[in-house]
Structures are given as structure tokens and as C-alpha cells.
Amino acid sequence: MNWEAFSAVSSAVATLAVTMSVIYLALQVKTSTKATNSQTYQFATQALGEMASIVGASKDLSRIYVLGMADPDSLEKEEYYQFSYLTISLFRRYENIFYQWQSGMIDEDFWNGHRNNLLWFYFQPGTQQWWGQRRGGFSVRFRSFLDSQTPDAYEKQPDRFV
């Protein structure tokens, strides 16, 4: 075998090795992206589940939250503070899901379901009053998103809570 043939074979082997490496790395990135998206979905779902558990854990908290959404003026001062803290917690969780959706970490289908729930909470009379007082504590993009919505922007379900 002459040096030219040896060089050509070596070059072909090196090209094949680089190609295989790139394919392997692409598969690893794809697998890693799926795992990250799955983890993001899990954390978002868990966060909202925990919020539901907090509100549903006691009859008193449930009463305060339901009244706060419907008629916050019917709450005592301390109860309104509880309603406000619960709502801050809920909206922080939704703000995170909104951010993850905008970042491409969760898909449109996942976002749309949670968007409908978010807007249902958002358009409750008590939440609207609270939002007017507390909206400045949230990101500009999240505020802009919510403030641009209308009550007909989501798929309404029968009200069973308020």
C-alpha cells in the first residue's frame, strides 16, 4: 500500500469517526432535552398540586379562599391577608409555568390547560381586586400577558367553587 492510499483510508476513517461522534452527541442532547422537559413538567404539576393541597387542607383556608375570590370585602383583615398570601403563592406558580412555556420548556398543550385555569382564577372578582394592588410584584411579561386577556379568552367550565 502506498502512502496516498493509506492517507485516503485514514481520512475516510477519521471522517466516519467524527460523523459518528456528532450523531452520538445529537442523540445525547435530544435525550437530555426530553429529560429536562419532563422534569419541568413534573415540577410545575407538583407546585400547583401543592397549592391545591394547602388551600384544601383546612375548611377555614378553603372558606377564606373561596370568599376572597368572590367577595374579598366580606373577609376580616387577617383573612384578607391569608387570601392575599395564598393568591401570591398561586400566581407565582403560574408565573413560573408562563416563563417555562415562553422559554420553550413546556409545550403548547400543557400551557393551554394551565392557562385556562390561571385565567379562571384571574377573572374572579376578588382576584381582580387583589391584582390591582399586587400586580407590580410580578414580571413585566407576566403582567402584560394577564392584563391583555379578556374574560372570553379561555375555555370556561361550570363554576363549582365560587
C-alpha atoms as a PDB file:
ATOM      1  CA  MET A   1       0.000   0.000   0.000  1.00  0.00           C
ATOM      2  CA  ASN A   2       1.381   3.387  -0.909  1.00  0.00           C
ATOM      3  CA  TRP A   3       1.195   6.497   1.280  1.00  0.00           C
ATOM      4  CA  GLU A   4      -1.541   8.108  -0.811  1.00  0.00           C
ATOM      5  CA  ALA A   5      -3.866   5.144  -0.365  1.00  0.00           C
ATOM      6  CA  PHE A   6      -3.034   4.960   3.339  1.00  0.00           C
ATOM      7  CA  SER A   7      -3.758   8.692   3.690  1.00  0.00           C
ATOM      8  CA  ALA A   8      -7.091   8.353   1.862  1.00  0.00           C
ATOM      9  CA  VAL A   9      -8.186   5.419   4.057  1.00  0.00           C
ATOM     10  CA  SER A  10      -7.097   7.276   7.207  1.00  0.00           C
ATOM     11  CA  SER A  11      -9.014  10.352   6.116  1.00  0.00           C
ATOM     12  CA  ALA A  12     -12.142   8.286   5.431  1.00  0.00           C
ATOM     13  CA  VAL A  13     -11.895   6.574   8.840  1.00  0.00           C
ATOM     14  CA  ALA A  14     -11.417   9.944  10.593  1.00  0.00           C
ATOM     15  CA  THR A  15     -14.429  11.409   8.752  1.00  0.00           C
ATOM     16  CA  LEU A  16     -16.531   8.406   9.750  1.00  0.00           C
ATOM     17  CA  ALA A  17     -15.410   8.712  13.384  1.00  0.00           C
ATOM     18  CA  VAL A  18     -16.260  12.426  13.521  1.00  0.00           C
ATOM     19  CA  THR A  19     -19.657  11.774  11.907  1.00  0.00           C
ATOM     20  CA  MET A  20     -20.435   9.014  14.421  1.00  0.00           C
ATOM     21  CA  SER A  21     -19.390  11.317  17.289  1.00  0.00           C
ATOM     22  CA  VAL A  22     -21.679  14.090  16.065  1.00  0.00           C
ATOM     23  CA  ILE A  23     -24.600  11.655  15.729  1.00  0.00           C
ATOM     24  CA  TYR A  24     -23.942  10.319  19.227  1.00  0.00           C
ATOM     25  CA  LEU A  25     -23.824  13.858  20.690  1.00  0.00           C
ATOM     26  CA  ALA A  26     -27.044  14.813  18.903  1.00  0.00           C
ATOM     27  CA  LEU A  27     -28.800  11.784  20.399  1.00  0.00           C
ATOM     28  CA  GLN A  28     -27.471  12.675  23.847  1.00  0.00           C
ATOM     29  CA  VAL A  29     -28.706  16.272  23.538  1.00  0.00           C
ATOM     30  CA  LYS A  30     -32.127  15.066  22.396  1.00  0.00           C
ATOM     31  CA  THR A  31     -32.376  12.658  25.340  1.00  0.00           C
ATOM     32  CA  SER A  32     -31.216  15.346  27.751  1.00  0.00           C
ATOM     33  CA  THR A  33     -33.775  17.823  26.387  1.00  0.00           C
ATOM     34  CA  LYS A  34     -36.587  15.288  26.828  1.00  0.00           C
ATOM     35  CA  ALA A  35     -35.486  14.634  30.402  1.00  0.00           C
ATOM     36  CA  THR A  36     -35.306  18.348  31.179  1.00  0.00           C
ATOM     37  CA  ASN A  37     -38.749  18.988  29.685  1.00  0.00           C
ATOM     38  CA  SER A  38     -40.177  16.074  31.620  1.00  0.00           C
ATOM     39  CA  GLN A  39     -38.648  17.378  34.834  1.00  0.00           C
ATOM     40  CA  THR A  40     -40.031  20.871  34.181  1.00  0.00           C
ATOM     41  CA  TYR A  41     -43.494  19.408  33.603  1.00  0.00           C
ATOM     42  CA  GLN A  42     -43.205  17.403  36.830  1.00  0.00           C
ATOM     43  CA  PHE A  43     -42.114  20.405  38.914  1.00  0.00           C
ATOM     44  CA  ALA A  44     -44.890  22.615  37.522  1.00  0.00           C
ATOM     45  CA  THR A  45     -47.554  19.996  38.141  1.00  0.00           C
ATOM     46  CA  GLN A  46     -46.223  19.318  41.625  1.00  0.00           C
ATOM     47  CA  ALA A  47     -46.165  23.032  42.508  1.00  0.00           C
ATOM     48  CA  LEU A  48     -49.809  23.512  41.559  1.00  0.00           C
ATOM     49  CA  GLY A  49     -50.776  20.286  43.308  1.00  0.00           C
ATOM     50  CA  GLU A  50     -49.095  21.518  46.479  1.00  0.00           C
ATOM     51  CA  MET A  51     -51.009  24.780  46.227  1.00  0.00           C
ATOM     52  CA  ALA A  52     -54.306  22.917  45.957  1.00  0.00           C
ATOM     53  CA  SER A  53     -53.290  20.832  48.978  1.00  0.00           C
ATOM     54  CA  ILE A  54     -52.522  23.952  51.006  1.00  0.00           C
ATOM     55  CA  VAL A  55     -55.892  25.550  50.281  1.00  0.00           C
ATOM     56  CA  GLY A  56     -57.786  22.284  50.625  1.00  0.00           C
ATOM     57  CA  ALA A  57     -56.032  21.206  53.824  1.00  0.00           C
ATOM     58  CA  SER A  58     -58.391  23.081  56.098  1.00  0.00           C
ATOM     59  CA  LYS A  59     -62.011  24.056  55.924  1.00  0.00           C
ATOM     60  CA  ASP A  60     -61.105  27.540  57.145  1.00  0.00           C
ATOM     61  CA  LEU A  61     -58.490  28.177  54.430  1.00  0.00           C
ATOM     62  CA  SER A  62     -60.852  26.864  51.768  1.00  0.00           C
ATOM     63  CA  ARG A  63     -63.613  29.157  53.025  1.00  0.00           C
ATOM     64  CA  ILE A  64     -61.279  32.154  53.088  1.00  0.00           C
ATOM     65  CA  TYR A  65     -60.014  31.497  49.576  1.00  0.00           C
ATOM     66  CA  VAL A  66     -63.459  30.935  48.081  1.00  0.00           C
ATOM     67  CA  LEU A  67     -64.845  34.055  49.780  1.00  0.00           C
ATOM     68  CA  GLY A  68     -61.767  36.044  48.835  1.00  0.00           C
ATOM     69  CA  MET A  69     -62.210  35.211  45.156  1.00  0.00           C
ATOM     70  CA  ALA A  70     -65.918  36.062  45.216  1.00  0.00           C
ATOM     71  CA  ASP A  71     -66.134  38.994  47.652  1.00  0.00           C
ATOM     72  CA  PRO A  72     -62.913  39.998  49.415  1.00  0.00           C
ATOM     73  CA  ASP A  73     -64.734  42.786  51.282  1.00  0.00           C
ATOM     74  CA  SER A  74     -66.588  40.094  53.237  1.00  0.00           C
ATOM     75  CA  LEU A  75     -63.296  38.925  54.788  1.00  0.00           C
ATOM     76  CA  GLU A  76     -61.837  40.201  58.037  1.00  0.00           C
ATOM     77  CA  LYS A  77     -58.499  41.995  57.705  1.00  0.00           C
ATOM     78  CA  GLU A  78     -56.425  38.946  58.760  1.00  0.00           C
ATOM     79  CA  GLU A  79     -58.454  36.694  56.459  1.00  0.00           C
ATOM     80  CA  TYR A  80     -57.811  39.037  53.544  1.00  0.00           C
ATOM     81  CA  TYR A  81     -54.091  38.788  54.275  1.00  0.00           C
ATOM     82  CA  GLN A  82     -54.376  34.985  54.161  1.00  0.00           C
ATOM     83  CA  PHE A  83     -56.252  35.228  50.860  1.00  0.00           C
ATOM     84  CA  SER A  84     -53.575  37.576  49.523  1.00  0.00           C
ATOM     85  CA  TYR A  85     -50.689  35.306  50.544  1.00  0.00           C
ATOM     86  CA  LEU A  86     -52.401  32.274  49.028  1.00  0.00           C
ATOM     87  CA  THR A  87     -53.032  34.185  45.810  1.00  0.00           C
ATOM     88  CA  ILE A  88     -49.424  35.400  45.656  1.00  0.00           C
ATOM     89  CA  SER A  89     -48.278  31.804  46.016  1.00  0.00           C
ATOM     90  CA  LEU A  90     -50.681  30.585  43.341  1.00  0.00           C
ATOM     91  CA  PHE A  91     -49.766  33.310  40.870  1.00  0.00           C
ATOM     92  CA  ARG A  92     -46.022  32.819  41.459  1.00  0.00           C
ATOM     93  CA  ARG A  93     -46.503  29.200  40.441  1.00  0.00           C
ATOM     94  CA  TYR A  94     -48.430  30.217  37.337  1.00  0.00           C
ATOM     95  CA  GLU A  95     -45.820  32.867  36.555  1.00  0.00           C
ATOM     96  CA  ASN A  96     -43.193  30.109  36.573  1.00  0.00           C
ATOM     97  CA  ILE A  97     -45.258  27.960  34.212  1.00  0.00           C
ATOM     98  CA  PHE A  98     -45.731  31.002  31.957  1.00  0.00           C
ATOM     99  CA  TYR A  99     -41.957  31.570  31.961  1.00  0.00           C
ATOM    100  CA  GLN A 100     -41.257  27.884  31.210  1.00  0.00           C
ATOM    101  CA  TRP A 101     -43.729  27.990  28.322  1.00  0.00           C
ATOM    102  CA  GLN A 102     -42.157  31.137  26.884  1.00  0.00           C
ATOM    103  CA  SER A 103     -38.715  29.528  27.245  1.00  0.00           C
ATOM    104  CA  GLY A 104     -39.882  26.507  25.264  1.00  0.00           C
ATOM    105  CA  MET A 105     -39.504  24.143  28.219  1.00  0.00           C
ATOM    106  CA  ILE A 106     -43.167  23.107  28.200  1.00  0.00           C
ATOM    107  CA  ASP A 107     -45.341  22.552  25.184  1.00  0.00           C
ATOM    108  CA  GLU A 108     -48.421  24.393  23.975  1.00  0.00           C
ATOM    109  CA  ASP A 109     -50.847  21.691  25.114  1.00  0.00           C
ATOM    110  CA  PHE A 110     -49.550  21.741  28.699  1.00  0.00           C
ATOM    111  CA  TRP A 111     -49.571  25.545  28.730  1.00  0.00           C
ATOM    112  CA  ASN A 112     -53.118  25.840  27.343  1.00  0.00           C
ATOM    113  CA  GLY A 113     -54.623  23.727  30.113  1.00  0.00           C
ATOM    114  CA  HIS A 114     -52.863  25.691  32.821  1.00  0.00           C
ATOM    115  CA  ARG A 115     -53.563  28.967  31.046  1.00  0.00           C
ATOM    116  CA  ASN A 116     -57.293  28.217  31.242  1.00  0.00           C
ATOM    117  CA  ASN A 117     -57.042  27.582  34.984  1.00  0.00           C
ATOM    118  CA  LEU A 118     -54.918  30.691  35.513  1.00  0.00           C
ATOM    119  CA  LEU A 119     -57.414  32.873  33.664  1.00  0.00           C
ATOM    120  CA  TRP A 120     -60.303  31.384  35.605  1.00  0.00           C
ATOM    121  CA  PHE A 121     -58.619  32.451  38.853  1.00  0.00           C
ATOM    122  CA  TYR A 122     -57.540  35.772  37.354  1.00  0.00           C
ATOM    123  CA  PHE A 123     -61.055  36.836  36.347  1.00  0.00           C
ATOM    124  CA  GLN A 124     -62.650  36.166  39.726  1.00  0.00           C
ATOM    125  CA  PRO A 125     -63.798  39.485  41.252  1.00  0.00           C
ATOM    126  CA  GLY A 126     -61.634  39.151  44.359  1.00  0.00           C
ATOM    127  CA  THR A 127     -58.584  38.194  42.349  1.00  0.00           C
ATOM    128  CA  GLN A 128     -59.110  41.244  40.147  1.00  0.00           C
ATOM    129  CA  GLN A 129     -59.162  43.454  43.246  1.00  0.00           C
ATOM    130  CA  TRP A 130     -56.040  41.736  44.609  1.00  0.00           C
ATOM    131  CA  TRP A 131     -54.268  42.001  41.221  1.00  0.00           C
ATOM    132  CA  GLY A 132     -54.878  45.742  41.172  1.00  0.00           C
ATOM    133  CA  GLN A 133     -52.970  46.008  44.452  1.00  0.00           C
ATOM    134  CA  ARG A 134     -50.215  43.436  43.863  1.00  0.00           C
ATOM    135  CA  ARG A 135     -49.540  43.221  40.119  1.00  0.00           C
ATOM    136  CA  GLY A 136     -46.331  45.253  40.433  1.00  0.00           C
ATOM    137  CA  GLY A 137     -44.669  42.335  42.209  1.00  0.00           C
ATOM    138  CA  PHE A 138     -44.715  40.159  39.100  1.00  0.00           C
ATOM    139  CA  SER A 139     -42.608  40.203  35.952  1.00  0.00           C
ATOM    140  CA  VAL A 140     -43.491  42.690  33.234  1.00  0.00           C
ATOM    141  CA  ARG A 141     -44.140  39.924  30.689  1.00  0.00           C
ATOM    142  CA  PHE A 142     -46.487  38.051  33.037  1.00  0.00           C
ATOM    143  CA  ARG A 143     -48.341  41.281  33.901  1.00  0.00           C
ATOM    144  CA  SER A 144     -48.618  42.185  30.233  1.00  0.00           C
ATOM    145  CA  PHE A 145     -49.955  38.747  29.394  1.00  0.00           C
ATOM    146  CA  LEU A 146     -52.632  38.850  32.096  1.00  0.00           C
ATOM    147  CA  ASP A 147     -53.581  42.465  31.519  1.00  0.00           C
ATOM    148  CA  SER A 148     -54.084  41.790  27.798  1.00  0.00           C
ATOM    149  CA  GLN A 149     -56.552  38.956  28.388  1.00  0.00           C
ATOM    150  CA  THR A 150     -60.332  39.208  28.280  1.00  0.00           C
ATOM    151  CA  PRO A 151     -62.840  37.028  30.133  1.00  0.00           C
ATOM    152  CA  ASP A 152     -63.698  35.234  26.890  1.00  0.00           C
ATOM    153  CA  ALA A 153     -60.013  34.309  26.296  1.00  0.00           C
ATOM    154  CA  TYR A 154     -60.317  30.938  27.962  1.00  0.00           C
ATOM    155  CA  GLU A 155     -62.485  27.865  27.852  1.00  0.00           C
ATOM    156  CA  LYS A 156     -64.994  28.339  30.647  1.00  0.00           C
ATOM    157  CA  GLN A 157     -66.059  25.463  32.847  1.00  0.00           C
ATOM    158  CA  PRO A 158     -69.068  25.467  35.160  1.00  0.00           C
ATOM    159  CA  ASP A 159     -68.282  27.317  38.394  1.00  0.00           C
ATOM    160  CA  ARG A 160     -68.354  24.888  41.266  1.00  0.00           C
ATOM    161  CA  PHE A 161     -66.178  26.742  43.729  1.00  0.00           C
ATOM    162  CA  VAL A 162     -67.447  30.295  43.766  1.00  0.00           C
END
